Amino acid sequence: MLRAVLIGLGVVAVLTGIGLMAAAHWTGISMLVAGALLLVGTLYERVHYKRPVLRAPGPGWQPTRERFIDEETGKAITVWIEPRTGERVYVAEE
């Protein structure tokens, strides 16, 4: 829900910036840039966020003390890390 609101605000800001620039108002540049940053940041987070897996990864992985509740599923998530590479995996608790 929040993601949709942020994307909507970003689109409105970009369109407002374009409209202001078309009317020769240079303040439109800041609105355009702010809207573009909001859109890029929100969309990047959506792509970058990894979905939780159902079981712990293989040997060499260690659970961290980092835990949170996944907003989409409502399940508790534990973060596991592979110390050699720094790769992280999100594991849903049973």
C-alpha atoms as a PDB file:
ATOM      1  CA  MET A   1       0.000   0.000   0.000  1.00  0.00           C
ATOM      2  CA  LEU A   2       2.715   2.458   0.994  1.00  0.00           C
ATOM      3  CA  ARG A   3       4.735   1.551  -2.088  1.00  0.00           C
ATOM      4  CA  ALA A   4       1.764   2.401  -4.342  1.00  0.00           C
ATOM      5  CA  VAL A   5       1.319   5.763  -2.609  1.00  0.00           C
ATOM      6  CA  LEU A   6       5.021   6.596  -3.056  1.00  0.00           C
ATOM      7  CA  ILE A   7       4.936   5.640  -6.726  1.00  0.00           C
ATOM      8  CA  GLY A   8       1.829   7.778  -7.200  1.00  0.00           C
ATOM      9  CA  LEU A   9       3.489  10.751  -5.497  1.00  0.00           C
ATOM     10  CA  GLY A  10       6.585  10.281  -7.642  1.00  0.00           C
ATOM     11  CA  VAL A  11       4.527  10.273 -10.845  1.00  0.00           C
ATOM     12  CA  VAL A  12       2.635  13.402  -9.762  1.00  0.00           C
ATOM     13  CA  ALA A  13       5.906  15.166  -8.909  1.00  0.00           C
ATOM     14  CA  VAL A  14       7.467  14.240 -12.268  1.00  0.00           C
ATOM     15  CA  LEU A  15       4.408  15.394 -14.210  1.00  0.00           C
ATOM     16  CA  THR A  16       4.226  18.616 -12.180  1.00  0.00           C
ATOM     17  CA  GLY A  17       7.899  19.251 -12.851  1.00  0.00           C
ATOM     18  CA  ILE A  18       7.420  18.717 -16.576  1.00  0.00           C
ATOM     19  CA  GLY A  19       4.419  21.040 -16.558  1.00  0.00           C
ATOM     20  CA  LEU A  20       6.319  23.774 -14.711  1.00  0.00           C
ATOM     21  CA  MET A  21       9.284  23.472 -17.052  1.00  0.00           C
ATOM     22  CA  ALA A  22       6.957  23.686 -20.069  1.00  0.00           C
ATOM     23  CA  ALA A  23       5.612  26.945 -18.628  1.00  0.00           C
ATOM     24  CA  ALA A  24       9.210  28.238 -18.365  1.00  0.00           C
ATOM     25  CA  HIS A  25       9.364  27.946 -14.564  1.00  0.00           C
ATOM     26  CA  TRP A  26      12.794  26.686 -13.599  1.00  0.00           C
ATOM     27  CA  THR A  27      11.471  25.488 -10.259  1.00  0.00           C
ATOM     28  CA  GLY A  28      10.099  22.545 -12.230  1.00  0.00           C
ATOM     29  CA  ILE A  29      13.591  21.057 -12.381  1.00  0.00           C
ATOM     30  CA  SER A  30      13.693  20.443  -8.636  1.00  0.00           C
ATOM     31  CA  MET A  31      10.200  18.908  -8.703  1.00  0.00           C
ATOM     32  CA  LEU A  32      11.182  16.693 -11.650  1.00  0.00           C
ATOM     33  CA  VAL A  33      14.381  15.525  -9.941  1.00  0.00           C
ATOM     34  CA  ALA A  34      12.634  14.883  -6.608  1.00  0.00           C
ATOM     35  CA  GLY A  35       9.892  12.871  -8.308  1.00  0.00           C
ATOM     36  CA  ALA A  36      12.399  10.880 -10.353  1.00  0.00           C
ATOM     37  CA  LEU A  37      14.448  10.063  -7.233  1.00  0.00           C
ATOM     38  CA  LEU A  38      11.325   8.957  -5.399  1.00  0.00           C
ATOM     39  CA  LEU A  39      10.304   6.698  -8.281  1.00  0.00           C
ATOM     40  CA  VAL A  40      13.764   5.207  -8.803  1.00  0.00           C
ATOM     41  CA  GLY A  41      14.266   4.592  -5.079  1.00  0.00           C
ATOM     42  CA  THR A  42      10.876   2.968  -4.608  1.00  0.00           C
ATOM     43  CA  LEU A  43      11.183   0.769  -7.694  1.00  0.00           C
ATOM     44  CA  TYR A  44      14.795  -0.195  -6.872  1.00  0.00           C
ATOM     45  CA  GLU A  45      13.735  -1.295  -3.385  1.00  0.00           C
ATOM     46  CA  ARG A  46      11.044  -3.482  -4.874  1.00  0.00           C
ATOM     47  CA  VAL A  47      13.482  -5.226  -7.222  1.00  0.00           C
ATOM     48  CA  HIS A  48      16.307  -5.414  -4.694  1.00  0.00           C
ATOM     49  CA  TYR A  49      14.257  -6.878  -1.828  1.00  0.00           C
ATOM     50  CA  LYS A  50      14.666 -10.649  -1.725  1.00  0.00           C
ATOM     51  CA  ARG A  51      11.708 -12.914  -1.113  1.00  0.00           C
ATOM     52  CA  PRO A  52      11.963 -15.165   1.960  1.00  0.00           C
ATOM     53  CA  VAL A  53      12.818 -18.836   1.488  1.00  0.00           C
ATOM     54  CA  LEU A  54      11.189 -21.628   3.478  1.00  0.00           C
ATOM     55  CA  ARG A  55      14.271 -23.433   4.792  1.00  0.00           C
ATOM     56  CA  ALA A  56      17.722 -22.547   6.042  1.00  0.00           C
ATOM     57  CA  PRO A  57      20.528 -22.478   3.464  1.00  0.00           C
ATOM     58  CA  GLY A  58      23.295 -25.095   3.305  1.00  0.00           C
ATOM     59  CA  PRO A  59      26.548 -25.475   5.194  1.00  0.00           C
ATOM     60  CA  GLY A  60      28.648 -22.397   5.877  1.00  0.00           C
ATOM     61  CA  TRP A  61      25.639 -20.138   6.437  1.00  0.00           C
ATOM     62  CA  GLN A  62      25.053 -18.608   9.868  1.00  0.00           C
ATOM     63  CA  PRO A  63      21.873 -17.100  11.316  1.00  0.00           C
ATOM     64  CA  THR A  64      22.173 -13.481  12.430  1.00  0.00           C
ATOM     65  CA  ARG A  65      20.374 -11.784  15.293  1.00  0.00           C
ATOM     66  CA  GLU A  66      18.411  -9.768  12.739  1.00  0.00           C
ATOM     67  CA  ARG A  67      14.714 -10.664  12.705  1.00  0.00           C
ATOM     68  CA  PHE A  68      11.623  -8.902  11.414  1.00  0.00           C
ATOM     69  CA  ILE A  69       8.027  -9.492  10.363  1.00  0.00           C
ATOM     70  CA  ASP A  70       7.460  -9.676   6.599  1.00  0.00           C
ATOM     71  CA  GLU A  71       4.735  -7.184   5.692  1.00  0.00           C
ATOM     72  CA  GLU A  72       3.377  -9.281   2.824  1.00  0.00           C
ATOM     73  CA  THR A  73       3.113 -12.652   4.593  1.00  0.00           C
ATOM     74  CA  GLY A  74       3.004 -11.649   8.262  1.00  0.00           C
ATOM     75  CA  LYS A  75       5.655 -14.314   9.041  1.00  0.00           C
ATOM     76  CA  ALA A  76       8.723 -13.874  11.214  1.00  0.00           C
ATOM     77  CA  ILE A  77      11.890 -13.730   9.106  1.00  0.00           C
ATOM     78  CA  THR A  78      15.437 -14.574  10.201  1.00  0.00           C
ATOM     79  CA  VAL A  79      18.402 -13.261   8.217  1.00  0.00           C
ATOM     80  CA  TRP A  80      21.178 -15.756   7.421  1.00  0.00           C
ATOM     81  CA  ILE A  81      24.592 -14.722   6.132  1.00  0.00           C
ATOM     82  CA  GLU A  82      27.410 -16.471   4.288  1.00  0.00           C
ATOM     83  CA  PRO A  83      30.453 -14.949   6.051  1.00  0.00           C
ATOM     84  CA  ARG A  84      32.919 -15.429   3.167  1.00  0.00           C
ATOM     85  CA  THR A  85      30.840 -13.566   0.584  1.00  0.00           C
ATOM     86  CA  GLY A  86      28.509 -11.435   2.717  1.00  0.00           C
ATOM     87  CA  GLU A  87      25.478 -12.787   0.827  1.00  0.00           C
ATOM     88  CA  ARG A  88      22.249 -12.651   2.824  1.00  0.00           C
ATOM     89  CA  VAL A  89      19.210 -14.930   2.711  1.00  0.00           C
ATOM     90  CA  TYR A  90      15.866 -14.272   4.358  1.00  0.00           C
ATOM     91  CA  VAL A  91      14.367 -17.404   5.899  1.00  0.00           C
ATOM     92  CA  ALA A  92      10.709 -17.583   6.971  1.00  0.00           C
ATOM     93  CA  GLU A  93      10.239 -19.101  10.428  1.00  0.00           C
ATOM     94  CA  GLU A  94       7.840 -22.007  10.758  1.00  0.00           C
END
